[in-house]
């Protein structure tokens, strides 16, 4: 694990989600991409490596995202789930001000200019 990150980890589905969220974040958070699906082997590695971290889960508001969220909920019962409005469906296409608002609601520090865009 990289020590330049704090004790927070954000799990997202894809690279475009990661890129968009990363630009909004003000604090150093490790962002992990599942690339839509995650194997049991990869999941077990994640569980071990994230044992003492604050885990946040931000996935798309579609069937694939909900399926992944259920799987992650089982494996990370202590994780905090961040939800985007269903009308946006995908994290990558949600407006930055909406993402900034939901991240801030989970006590994740964001650049204030994104909050002012709404």
N, C-alpha and C. Protein backbone atom coordinates (compact mmCIF):
# COMPACT_ATOMS: atom_id res chain seq x y z
N UNK A 1 0.84 -1.20 0.00
CA UNK A 1 0.00 0.00 0.00
C UNK A 1 0.88 1.25 0.00
N UNK A 2 0.38 2.28 -0.59
CA UNK A 2 1.13 3.52 -0.70
C UNK A 2 0.88 4.39 0.52
N UNK A 3 1.93 4.80 1.20
CA UNK A 3 1.78 5.59 2.42
C UNK A 3 1.43 7.05 2.18
N UNK A 4 1.43 7.50 0.91
CA UNK A 4 1.07 8.88 0.65
C UNK A 4 -0.44 9.09 0.78
N UNK A 5 -1.20 7.99 0.80
CA UNK A 5 -2.64 8.08 0.99
C UNK A 5 -2.94 8.04 2.48
N UNK A 6 -4.08 8.58 2.85
CA UNK A 6 -4.49 8.51 4.24
C UNK A 6 -5.02 7.12 4.54
N UNK A 7 -5.97 7.06 5.44
CA UNK A 7 -6.53 5.75 5.80
C UNK A 7 -7.86 5.49 5.12
N UNK A 8 -8.17 6.28 4.09
CA UNK A 8 -9.42 6.10 3.35
C UNK A 8 -9.16 5.47 2.00
N UNK A 9 -10.08 4.59 1.61
CA UNK A 9 -10.01 3.93 0.31
C UNK A 9 -11.39 4.02 -0.33
N UNK A 10 -11.41 4.39 -1.59
CA UNK A 10 -12.66 4.49 -2.33
C UNK A 10 -12.65 3.43 -3.43
N UNK A 11 -13.67 2.60 -3.46
CA UNK A 11 -13.78 1.56 -4.49
C UNK A 11 -14.79 2.03 -5.53
N UNK A 12 -14.34 2.07 -6.80
CA UNK A 12 -15.20 2.46 -7.92
C UNK A 12 -15.16 1.36 -8.97
N UNK A 13 -16.03 1.48 -9.98
CA UNK A 13 -16.08 0.43 -11.01
C UNK A 13 -15.01 0.58 -12.08
N UNK A 14 -14.94 1.73 -12.74
CA UNK A 14 -14.07 1.83 -13.90
C UNK A 14 -13.04 2.93 -13.84
N UNK A 15 -12.16 2.92 -14.82
CA UNK A 15 -11.08 3.92 -14.91
C UNK A 15 -11.65 5.33 -15.11
N UNK A 16 -12.72 5.45 -15.89
CA UNK A 16 -13.31 6.77 -16.10
C UNK A 16 -13.93 7.30 -14.81
N UNK A 17 -14.48 6.41 -13.98
CA UNK A 17 -15.01 6.81 -12.67
C UNK A 17 -13.87 7.33 -11.80
N UNK A 18 -12.77 6.57 -11.79
CA UNK A 18 -11.61 6.92 -10.98
C UNK A 18 -11.06 8.29 -11.38
N UNK A 19 -10.92 8.50 -12.68
CA UNK A 19 -10.37 9.76 -13.19
C UNK A 19 -11.25 10.94 -12.78
N UNK A 20 -12.56 10.78 -12.93
CA UNK A 20 -13.48 11.87 -12.62
C UNK A 20 -13.48 12.18 -11.12
N UNK A 21 -13.56 11.13 -10.30
CA UNK A 21 -13.61 11.31 -8.85
C UNK A 21 -12.29 11.91 -8.34
N UNK A 22 -11.19 11.44 -8.89
CA UNK A 22 -9.87 11.90 -8.46
C UNK A 22 -9.72 13.41 -8.63
N UNK A 23 -10.29 13.96 -9.70
CA UNK A 23 -10.19 15.40 -9.94
C UNK A 23 -10.99 16.22 -8.92
N UNK A 24 -11.98 15.60 -8.31
CA UNK A 24 -12.85 16.29 -7.35
C UNK A 24 -12.28 16.26 -5.93
N UNK A 25 -11.57 15.18 -5.62
CA UNK A 25 -11.05 14.98 -4.26
C UNK A 25 -10.00 16.00 -3.87
N UNK A 26 -10.10 16.45 -2.63
CA UNK A 26 -9.11 17.37 -2.09
C UNK A 26 -8.12 16.62 -1.19
N UNK A 27 -8.59 15.56 -0.56
CA UNK A 27 -7.72 14.79 0.33
C UNK A 27 -7.16 13.57 -0.40
N UNK A 28 -6.00 13.09 0.06
CA UNK A 28 -5.39 11.93 -0.61
C UNK A 28 -6.10 10.63 -0.24
N UNK A 29 -6.82 10.07 -1.21
CA UNK A 29 -7.56 8.83 -0.99
C UNK A 29 -7.14 7.84 -2.06
N UNK A 30 -6.87 6.63 -1.65
CA UNK A 30 -6.55 5.59 -2.62
C UNK A 30 -7.85 5.19 -3.32
N UNK A 31 -7.83 5.18 -4.65
CA UNK A 31 -9.01 4.80 -5.42
C UNK A 31 -8.72 3.47 -6.10
N UNK A 32 -9.56 2.49 -5.84
CA UNK A 32 -9.39 1.15 -6.42
C UNK A 32 -10.48 0.90 -7.44
N UNK A 33 -10.08 0.48 -8.65
CA UNK A 33 -11.02 0.14 -9.71
C UNK A 33 -11.28 -1.36 -9.70
N UNK A 34 -12.54 -1.74 -9.78
CA UNK A 34 -12.87 -3.17 -9.90
C UNK A 34 -13.02 -3.56 -11.37
N UNK A 35 -13.07 -2.56 -12.25
CA UNK A 35 -13.32 -2.79 -13.67
C UNK A 35 -14.63 -3.54 -13.91
N UNK A 36 -15.63 -3.19 -13.11
CA UNK A 36 -16.97 -3.75 -13.28
C UNK A 36 -17.22 -5.05 -12.56
N UNK A 37 -16.24 -5.92 -12.56
CA UNK A 37 -16.39 -7.20 -11.87
C UNK A 37 -15.13 -7.44 -11.05
N UNK A 38 -15.24 -8.35 -10.13
CA UNK A 38 -14.07 -8.64 -9.30
C UNK A 38 -14.05 -10.12 -8.98
N UNK A 39 -12.91 -10.76 -9.17
CA UNK A 39 -12.79 -12.19 -8.90
C UNK A 39 -12.67 -12.41 -7.40
N UNK A 40 -12.98 -13.62 -6.97
CA UNK A 40 -12.87 -13.95 -5.55
C UNK A 40 -11.42 -13.80 -5.07
N UNK A 41 -10.47 -14.16 -5.91
CA UNK A 41 -9.06 -14.04 -5.54
C UNK A 41 -8.70 -12.58 -5.29
N UNK A 42 -9.08 -11.73 -6.23
CA UNK A 42 -8.80 -10.29 -6.12
C UNK A 42 -9.52 -9.72 -4.91
N UNK A 43 -10.75 -10.15 -4.69
CA UNK A 43 -11.54 -9.68 -3.57
C UNK A 43 -10.89 -10.06 -2.24
N UNK A 44 -10.40 -11.28 -2.14
CA UNK A 44 -9.74 -11.72 -0.91
C UNK A 44 -8.47 -10.92 -0.64
N UNK A 45 -7.72 -10.61 -1.72
CA UNK A 45 -6.53 -9.77 -1.58
C UNK A 45 -6.92 -8.38 -1.07
N UNK A 46 -8.00 -7.85 -1.63
CA UNK A 46 -8.49 -6.54 -1.22
C UNK A 46 -8.88 -6.54 0.26
N UNK A 47 -9.63 -7.54 0.67
CA UNK A 47 -10.10 -7.64 2.05
C UNK A 47 -8.91 -7.59 3.00
N UNK A 48 -7.88 -8.36 2.70
CA UNK A 48 -6.69 -8.39 3.55
C UNK A 48 -5.98 -7.04 3.58
N UNK A 49 -5.83 -6.42 2.42
CA UNK A 49 -5.08 -5.16 2.35
C UNK A 49 -5.85 -3.97 2.91
N UNK A 50 -7.17 -4.07 3.00
CA UNK A 50 -7.98 -2.94 3.46
C UNK A 50 -8.50 -3.12 4.88
N UNK A 51 -7.97 -4.09 5.57
CA UNK A 51 -8.44 -4.44 6.90
C UNK A 51 -8.53 -3.26 7.86
N UNK A 52 -7.51 -2.39 7.87
CA UNK A 52 -7.49 -1.29 8.82
C UNK A 52 -7.74 0.07 8.16
N UNK A 53 -8.47 0.06 7.05
CA UNK A 53 -8.77 1.30 6.31
C UNK A 53 -10.25 1.63 6.40
N UNK A 54 -10.57 2.90 6.18
CA UNK A 54 -11.97 3.31 6.03
C UNK A 54 -12.32 3.08 4.57
N UNK A 55 -13.28 2.19 4.32
CA UNK A 55 -13.62 1.83 2.95
C UNK A 55 -14.94 2.51 2.54
N UNK A 56 -14.89 3.15 1.37
CA UNK A 56 -16.07 3.79 0.78
C UNK A 56 -16.33 3.13 -0.56
N UNK A 57 -17.60 2.95 -0.87
CA UNK A 57 -17.96 2.29 -2.13
C UNK A 57 -18.86 3.23 -2.94
N UNK A 58 -18.42 3.53 -4.16
CA UNK A 58 -19.16 4.41 -5.07
C UNK A 58 -19.25 3.71 -6.41
N UNK A 59 -20.42 3.15 -6.71
CA UNK A 59 -20.60 2.42 -7.98
C UNK A 59 -21.81 2.99 -8.73
N UNK A 60 -21.93 2.61 -9.99
CA UNK A 60 -23.02 3.10 -10.83
C UNK A 60 -24.39 2.70 -10.27
N UNK A 61 -25.39 3.52 -10.61
CA UNK A 61 -26.76 3.24 -10.20
C UNK A 61 -27.47 2.45 -11.30
N UNK A 62 -26.89 1.32 -11.68
CA UNK A 62 -27.49 0.44 -12.68
C UNK A 62 -27.40 -1.00 -12.16
N UNK A 63 -27.90 -1.96 -12.95
CA UNK A 63 -27.93 -3.34 -12.48
C UNK A 63 -26.54 -3.89 -12.15
N UNK A 64 -25.56 -3.62 -13.02
CA UNK A 64 -24.20 -4.11 -12.78
C UNK A 64 -23.61 -3.48 -11.53
N UNK A 65 -23.85 -2.19 -11.34
CA UNK A 65 -23.35 -1.49 -10.16
C UNK A 65 -23.98 -2.03 -8.88
N UNK A 66 -25.29 -2.29 -8.94
CA UNK A 66 -25.98 -2.81 -7.75
C UNK A 66 -25.51 -4.22 -7.41
N UNK A 67 -25.24 -5.01 -8.43
CA UNK A 67 -24.74 -6.37 -8.21
C UNK A 67 -23.37 -6.31 -7.52
N UNK A 68 -22.51 -5.44 -8.02
CA UNK A 68 -21.19 -5.26 -7.43
C UNK A 68 -21.31 -4.73 -6.00
N UNK A 69 -22.22 -3.78 -5.79
CA UNK A 69 -22.42 -3.20 -4.45
C UNK A 69 -22.83 -4.29 -3.46
N UNK A 70 -23.73 -5.19 -3.87
CA UNK A 70 -24.16 -6.28 -2.99
C UNK A 70 -22.99 -7.18 -2.62
N UNK A 71 -22.15 -7.49 -3.60
CA UNK A 71 -20.98 -8.33 -3.36
C UNK A 71 -20.02 -7.65 -2.39
N UNK A 72 -19.77 -6.36 -2.61
CA UNK A 72 -18.86 -5.62 -1.73
C UNK A 72 -19.45 -5.43 -0.33
N UNK A 73 -20.77 -5.31 -0.25
CA UNK A 73 -21.45 -5.16 1.04
C UNK A 73 -21.23 -6.40 1.91
N UNK A 74 -21.27 -7.57 1.26
CA UNK A 74 -21.03 -8.82 2.00
C UNK A 74 -19.61 -8.89 2.51
N UNK A 75 -18.66 -8.50 1.66
CA UNK A 75 -17.24 -8.62 2.01
C UNK A 75 -16.73 -7.49 2.88
N UNK A 76 -17.32 -6.32 2.77
CA UNK A 76 -16.93 -5.14 3.55
C UNK A 76 -18.15 -4.59 4.30
N UNK A 77 -18.65 -5.32 5.29
CA UNK A 77 -19.87 -4.85 5.98
C UNK A 77 -19.69 -3.49 6.66
N UNK A 78 -18.45 -3.13 7.00
CA UNK A 78 -18.19 -1.86 7.67
C UNK A 78 -18.05 -0.69 6.69
N UNK A 79 -18.04 -0.97 5.40
CA UNK A 79 -17.82 0.08 4.39
C UNK A 79 -19.00 1.05 4.36
N UNK A 80 -18.67 2.29 4.00
CA UNK A 80 -19.71 3.30 3.82
C UNK A 80 -20.06 3.35 2.34
N UNK A 81 -21.35 3.27 2.06
CA UNK A 81 -21.81 3.27 0.67
C UNK A 81 -22.24 4.68 0.28
N UNK A 82 -21.72 5.11 -0.86
CA UNK A 82 -22.04 6.43 -1.40
C UNK A 82 -22.89 6.19 -2.65
N UNK A 83 -24.02 6.86 -2.70
CA UNK A 83 -24.96 6.63 -3.81
C UNK A 83 -25.09 7.89 -4.67
N UNK A 84 -25.06 7.70 -6.00
CA UNK A 84 -25.39 8.81 -6.89
C UNK A 84 -26.88 8.72 -7.19
N UNK A 85 -27.44 9.82 -7.63
CA UNK A 85 -28.85 9.85 -8.01
C UNK A 85 -29.07 8.89 -9.18
N UNK A 86 -30.13 8.09 -9.10
CA UNK A 86 -30.40 7.09 -10.14
C UNK A 86 -30.56 7.70 -11.54
N UNK A 87 -30.99 8.96 -11.59
CA UNK A 87 -31.20 9.58 -12.91
C UNK A 87 -29.89 9.75 -13.67
N UNK A 88 -28.75 9.76 -12.97
CA UNK A 88 -27.45 9.89 -13.66
C UNK A 88 -26.90 8.53 -14.09
N UNK A 89 -27.38 7.47 -13.47
CA UNK A 89 -27.01 6.09 -13.77
C UNK A 89 -25.53 5.76 -13.56
N UNK A 90 -24.62 6.51 -14.17
CA UNK A 90 -23.20 6.18 -14.09
C UNK A 90 -22.40 7.27 -13.39
N UNK A 91 -21.44 6.84 -12.60
CA UNK A 91 -20.55 7.78 -11.90
C UNK A 91 -19.84 8.66 -12.93
N UNK A 92 -19.36 8.06 -14.00
CA UNK A 92 -18.59 8.79 -15.02
C UNK A 92 -19.39 9.88 -15.72
N UNK A 93 -20.71 9.72 -15.79
CA UNK A 93 -21.53 10.72 -16.49
C UNK A 93 -22.29 11.64 -15.54
N UNK A 94 -22.19 11.40 -14.23
CA UNK A 94 -22.85 12.27 -13.25
C UNK A 94 -22.14 13.63 -13.24
N UNK A 95 -22.89 14.72 -13.05
CA UNK A 95 -22.25 16.05 -13.00
C UNK A 95 -21.26 16.12 -11.82
N UNK A 96 -20.17 16.83 -12.02
CA UNK A 96 -19.14 16.91 -10.97
C UNK A 96 -19.69 17.51 -9.68
N UNK A 97 -20.61 18.48 -9.77
CA UNK A 97 -21.15 19.06 -8.54
C UNK A 97 -21.94 18.02 -7.75
N UNK A 98 -22.63 17.11 -8.46
CA UNK A 98 -23.40 16.04 -7.78
C UNK A 98 -22.44 15.08 -7.07
N UNK A 99 -21.39 14.68 -7.77
CA UNK A 99 -20.40 13.79 -7.16
C UNK A 99 -19.73 14.46 -5.96
N UNK A 100 -19.37 15.73 -6.11
CA UNK A 100 -18.75 16.47 -5.01
C UNK A 100 -19.68 16.51 -3.80
N UNK A 101 -20.97 16.70 -4.03
CA UNK A 101 -21.95 16.77 -2.94
C UNK A 101 -22.08 15.44 -2.22
N UNK A 102 -22.17 14.33 -2.97
CA UNK A 102 -22.33 13.02 -2.31
C UNK A 102 -21.04 12.60 -1.60
N UNK A 103 -19.90 12.96 -2.16
CA UNK A 103 -18.62 12.65 -1.49
C UNK A 103 -18.49 13.45 -0.20
N UNK A 104 -18.84 14.73 -0.26
CA UNK A 104 -18.78 15.58 0.92
C UNK A 104 -19.73 15.05 2.00
N UNK A 105 -20.88 14.54 1.56
CA UNK A 105 -21.85 13.96 2.49
C UNK A 105 -21.31 12.74 3.23
N UNK A 106 -20.28 12.11 2.65
CA UNK A 106 -19.63 10.95 3.29
C UNK A 106 -18.38 11.38 4.05
N UNK A 107 -18.25 12.69 4.31
CA UNK A 107 -17.09 13.25 5.01
C UNK A 107 -15.78 13.07 4.27
N UNK A 108 -15.86 13.16 2.95
CA UNK A 108 -14.66 13.13 2.11
C UNK A 108 -14.46 14.55 1.59
N UNK A 109 -13.28 15.09 1.81
CA UNK A 109 -12.99 16.47 1.45
C UNK A 109 -12.87 16.63 -0.07
N UNK A 110 -13.59 17.61 -0.60
CA UNK A 110 -13.58 17.86 -2.04
C UNK A 110 -13.19 19.32 -2.31
N UNK A 111 -12.77 19.59 -3.54
CA UNK A 111 -12.45 20.97 -3.92
C UNK A 111 -13.75 21.77 -3.98
N UNK A 112 -13.80 22.88 -3.27
CA UNK A 112 -15.03 23.65 -3.13
C UNK A 112 -15.59 24.18 -4.45
N UNK A 113 -14.72 24.41 -5.45
CA UNK A 113 -15.24 24.94 -6.71
C UNK A 113 -16.23 23.98 -7.38
N UNK A 114 -16.12 22.69 -7.10
CA UNK A 114 -17.06 21.73 -7.69
C UNK A 114 -18.44 21.84 -7.04
N UNK A 115 -18.48 22.25 -5.79
CA UNK A 115 -19.76 22.43 -5.09
C UNK A 115 -20.49 23.67 -5.60
N UNK A 116 -19.74 24.65 -6.05
CA UNK A 116 -20.33 25.90 -6.51
C UNK A 116 -20.90 25.81 -7.92
N UNK A 117 -20.61 24.70 -8.61
CA UNK A 117 -21.07 24.54 -9.99
C UNK A 117 -22.56 24.21 -10.09
N UNK A 118 -23.14 23.70 -9.01
CA UNK A 118 -24.52 23.26 -9.03
C UNK A 118 -25.44 24.36 -9.10
